[in-house]
């Protein structure tokens, strides 16, 4: 009879060691879920900035086309500024430029951009809950730079390639969005 009692006592519950192993396994699972959740938040934030970069690149290309179509710029002006020697009548600055509010010409990436006013994105209405008023919540785009590169297409007179590259950081990651378009002399 003593044998059956011992056996039932051993099978009646968990030992302290078994309980500790179970706690360690559950803790590992919960921490893994927390890491996946944190990564999901970072990806969601990255997606928002990817979308903003895409729209800012499209906006820059659209202003170039609008300047051509409205005759704000002559064909000879739709190119990058070259070195200090002159030689080009281009108006678009070379290299990465901060995203600033467009200047009087309405074009992004030119020398008359408003250096005191960073470009912003409206992220929601302000306290009055009316979008488009002065109290709207805005996000300045200080962590973004835009490069506008305009080059003649070899063998095709009257055709240029526009490459807009936005470089930005999301958390600790550096990202880049590039939009390539072509513009012809005539609309």
Protein backbone atom coordinates (compact mmCIF):
# COMPACT_ATOMS: atom_id res chain seq x y z
CA UNK A 1 0.00 0.00 0.00
CA UNK A 2 2.83 2.36 0.66
CA UNK A 3 3.89 2.11 -2.96
CA UNK A 4 0.58 3.40 -4.25
CA UNK A 5 0.62 6.33 -1.85
CA UNK A 6 4.04 7.42 -2.99
CA UNK A 7 3.04 7.23 -6.60
CA UNK A 8 -0.08 9.32 -6.09
CA UNK A 9 1.88 11.91 -4.11
CA UNK A 10 4.39 12.29 -6.96
CA UNK A 11 1.67 12.68 -9.57
CA UNK A 12 -0.48 15.10 -7.60
CA UNK A 13 1.13 18.42 -8.64
CA UNK A 14 3.99 20.47 -10.12
CA UNK A 15 7.35 20.78 -8.52
CA UNK A 16 8.95 24.14 -7.97
CA UNK A 17 11.39 23.45 -10.82
CA UNK A 18 8.58 22.69 -13.26
CA UNK A 19 6.76 25.88 -12.30
CA UNK A 20 9.92 27.98 -12.81
CA UNK A 21 10.53 26.44 -16.25
CA UNK A 22 6.93 27.21 -17.24
CA UNK A 23 7.33 30.83 -16.07
CA UNK A 24 10.54 31.22 -18.10
CA UNK A 25 8.87 29.84 -21.24
CA UNK A 26 5.83 32.10 -20.82
CA UNK A 27 8.07 35.14 -20.17
CA UNK A 28 10.02 34.44 -23.35
CA UNK A 29 6.78 34.26 -25.33
CA UNK A 30 5.43 37.51 -23.89
CA UNK A 31 8.71 39.35 -24.54
CA UNK A 32 8.72 38.06 -28.12
CA UNK A 33 5.21 39.45 -28.62
CA UNK A 34 6.32 42.82 -27.20
CA UNK A 35 9.23 42.95 -29.66
CA UNK A 36 6.91 42.20 -32.59
CA UNK A 37 4.52 44.90 -31.38
CA UNK A 38 7.35 47.48 -31.16
CA UNK A 39 8.53 46.57 -34.65
CA UNK A 40 4.97 46.98 -35.93
CA UNK A 41 4.81 50.50 -34.52
CA UNK A 42 8.10 51.39 -36.23
CA UNK A 43 6.88 50.01 -39.57
CA UNK A 44 3.61 51.96 -39.25
CA UNK A 45 5.57 55.17 -38.63
CA UNK A 46 7.86 54.37 -41.56
CA UNK A 47 4.85 53.85 -43.83
CA UNK A 48 3.56 57.33 -43.02
CA UNK A 49 6.93 58.91 -43.86
CA UNK A 50 7.19 56.82 -47.06
CA UNK A 51 3.82 58.20 -48.16
CA UNK A 52 4.82 61.78 -47.33
CA UNK A 53 8.08 61.36 -49.29
CA UNK A 54 6.17 60.03 -52.29
CA UNK A 55 3.73 62.96 -52.25
CA UNK A 56 6.48 65.57 -51.80
CA UNK A 57 8.35 64.13 -54.81
CA UNK A 58 5.17 64.22 -56.90
CA UNK A 59 4.50 67.78 -55.76
CA UNK A 60 7.96 68.91 -56.92
CA UNK A 61 7.50 67.31 -60.36
CA UNK A 62 4.03 68.82 -60.72
CA UNK A 63 5.34 72.32 -60.00
CA UNK A 64 7.97 71.90 -62.72
CA UNK A 65 5.33 70.86 -65.25
CA UNK A 66 3.04 73.71 -64.15
CA UNK A 67 5.90 76.22 -64.51
CA UNK A 68 6.54 74.98 -68.06
CA UNK A 69 2.84 75.01 -69.01
CA UNK A 70 2.18 78.47 -67.56
CA UNK A 71 5.40 79.83 -69.13
CA UNK A 72 6.71 80.80 -65.69
CA UNK A 73 9.93 79.09 -66.82
CA UNK A 74 11.42 78.97 -70.27
CA UNK A 75 12.72 75.63 -71.53
CA UNK A 76 16.28 76.83 -70.98
CA UNK A 77 15.49 77.42 -67.27
CA UNK A 78 14.24 73.89 -66.61
CA UNK A 79 17.59 72.48 -65.56
CA UNK A 80 19.98 72.57 -62.64
CA UNK A 81 22.16 75.55 -61.82
CA UNK A 82 25.72 74.82 -62.87
CA UNK A 83 28.94 75.98 -61.25
CA UNK A 84 29.90 79.57 -60.54
CA UNK A 85 31.06 80.09 -64.12
CA UNK A 86 27.50 80.53 -65.34
CA UNK A 87 26.94 78.58 -68.54
CA UNK A 88 23.43 77.48 -67.55
CA UNK A 89 20.24 79.39 -67.06
CA UNK A 90 18.89 76.62 -64.83
CA UNK A 91 17.04 77.53 -61.67
CA UNK A 92 17.04 74.26 -59.67
CA UNK A 93 19.72 73.95 -57.01
CA UNK A 94 22.21 71.08 -57.18
CA UNK A 95 22.45 68.47 -54.42
CA UNK A 96 20.30 67.69 -51.41
CA UNK A 97 18.27 70.66 -50.18
CA UNK A 98 16.13 70.92 -47.03
CA UNK A 99 12.39 70.88 -47.64
CA UNK A 100 11.41 74.51 -47.40
CA UNK A 101 8.30 76.47 -48.30
CA UNK A 102 8.38 77.51 -51.95
CA UNK A 103 9.45 81.09 -52.61
CA UNK A 104 7.72 83.70 -54.79
CA UNK A 105 8.19 81.61 -57.94
CA UNK A 106 6.18 78.74 -56.40
CA UNK A 107 8.88 76.19 -57.27
CA UNK A 108 10.60 73.87 -54.83
CA UNK A 109 14.37 73.53 -54.85
CA UNK A 110 15.21 76.98 -56.24
CA UNK A 111 17.29 79.77 -54.73
CA UNK A 112 14.27 81.83 -53.66
CA UNK A 113 12.83 79.16 -51.32
CA UNK A 114 11.84 80.54 -47.90
CA UNK A 115 14.78 79.48 -45.69
CA UNK A 116 12.93 80.60 -42.54
CA UNK A 117 9.92 78.36 -43.13
CA UNK A 118 10.33 74.59 -43.29
CA UNK A 119 7.84 72.69 -45.43
CA UNK A 120 5.13 71.08 -43.31
CA UNK A 121 2.40 68.48 -43.56
CA UNK A 122 -0.97 69.11 -41.93
CA UNK A 123 -1.70 66.08 -39.75
CA UNK A 124 -5.08 67.11 -38.40
CA UNK A 125 -7.43 69.89 -37.41
CA UNK A 126 -6.66 72.03 -34.39
CA UNK A 127 -8.83 72.71 -31.34
CA UNK A 128 -11.56 74.29 -33.48
CA UNK A 129 -11.88 70.93 -35.34
CA UNK A 130 -11.94 72.75 -38.71
CA UNK A 131 -9.29 71.68 -41.19
CA UNK A 132 -7.58 74.50 -43.10
CA UNK A 133 -7.50 77.08 -40.33
CA UNK A 134 -4.50 78.62 -38.60
CA UNK A 135 -4.68 76.27 -35.60
CA UNK A 136 -4.23 73.04 -37.61
CA UNK A 137 -1.72 70.53 -36.25
CA UNK A 138 1.34 70.48 -38.54
CA UNK A 139 4.43 68.31 -38.76
CA UNK A 140 7.58 70.13 -39.99
CA UNK A 141 9.66 68.06 -42.40
CA UNK A 142 13.07 68.92 -40.95
CA UNK A 143 14.32 65.34 -41.22
CA UNK A 144 13.88 65.28 -45.03
CA UNK A 145 16.03 66.55 -47.88
CA UNK A 146 15.16 66.69 -51.57
CA UNK A 147 17.49 66.46 -54.58
CA UNK A 148 16.19 67.62 -57.93
CA UNK A 149 18.36 66.46 -60.82
CA UNK A 150 17.41 67.49 -64.36
CA UNK A 151 19.42 66.10 -67.26
CA UNK A 152 19.08 66.14 -71.03
CA UNK A 153 18.16 62.78 -72.54
CA UNK A 154 20.95 61.75 -74.90
CA UNK A 155 19.86 61.66 -78.52
CA UNK A 156 16.49 63.29 -77.84
CA UNK A 157 16.44 67.05 -78.27
CA UNK A 158 13.69 68.73 -76.31
CA UNK A 159 13.45 65.95 -73.70
CA UNK A 160 14.83 65.96 -70.16
CA UNK A 161 14.81 63.47 -67.33
CA UNK A 162 13.76 64.73 -63.90
CA UNK A 163 14.93 62.67 -60.94
CA UNK A 164 13.57 63.67 -57.54
CA UNK A 165 15.19 61.93 -54.57
CA UNK A 166 13.91 62.39 -51.03
CA UNK A 167 16.16 61.23 -48.20
CA UNK A 168 14.76 61.01 -44.69
CA UNK A 169 15.17 59.27 -41.37
CA UNK A 170 12.60 57.28 -39.44
CA UNK A 171 13.86 56.50 -35.97
CA UNK A 172 17.37 55.18 -36.55
CA UNK A 173 16.76 54.12 -40.16
CA UNK A 174 17.73 56.24 -43.15
CA UNK A 175 15.36 55.87 -46.10
CA UNK A 176 15.20 57.14 -49.67
CA UNK A 177 12.42 57.60 -52.22
CA UNK A 178 13.21 58.31 -55.88
CA UNK A 179 10.77 59.47 -58.56
CA UNK A 180 11.86 59.61 -62.20
CA UNK A 181 9.85 61.53 -64.80
CA UNK A 182 10.43 63.04 -68.22
CA UNK A 183 9.54 66.50 -69.44
CA UNK A 184 9.33 67.64 -73.03
CA UNK A 185 9.86 71.11 -74.38
CA UNK A 186 6.21 71.38 -75.39
CA UNK A 187 3.20 70.57 -73.23
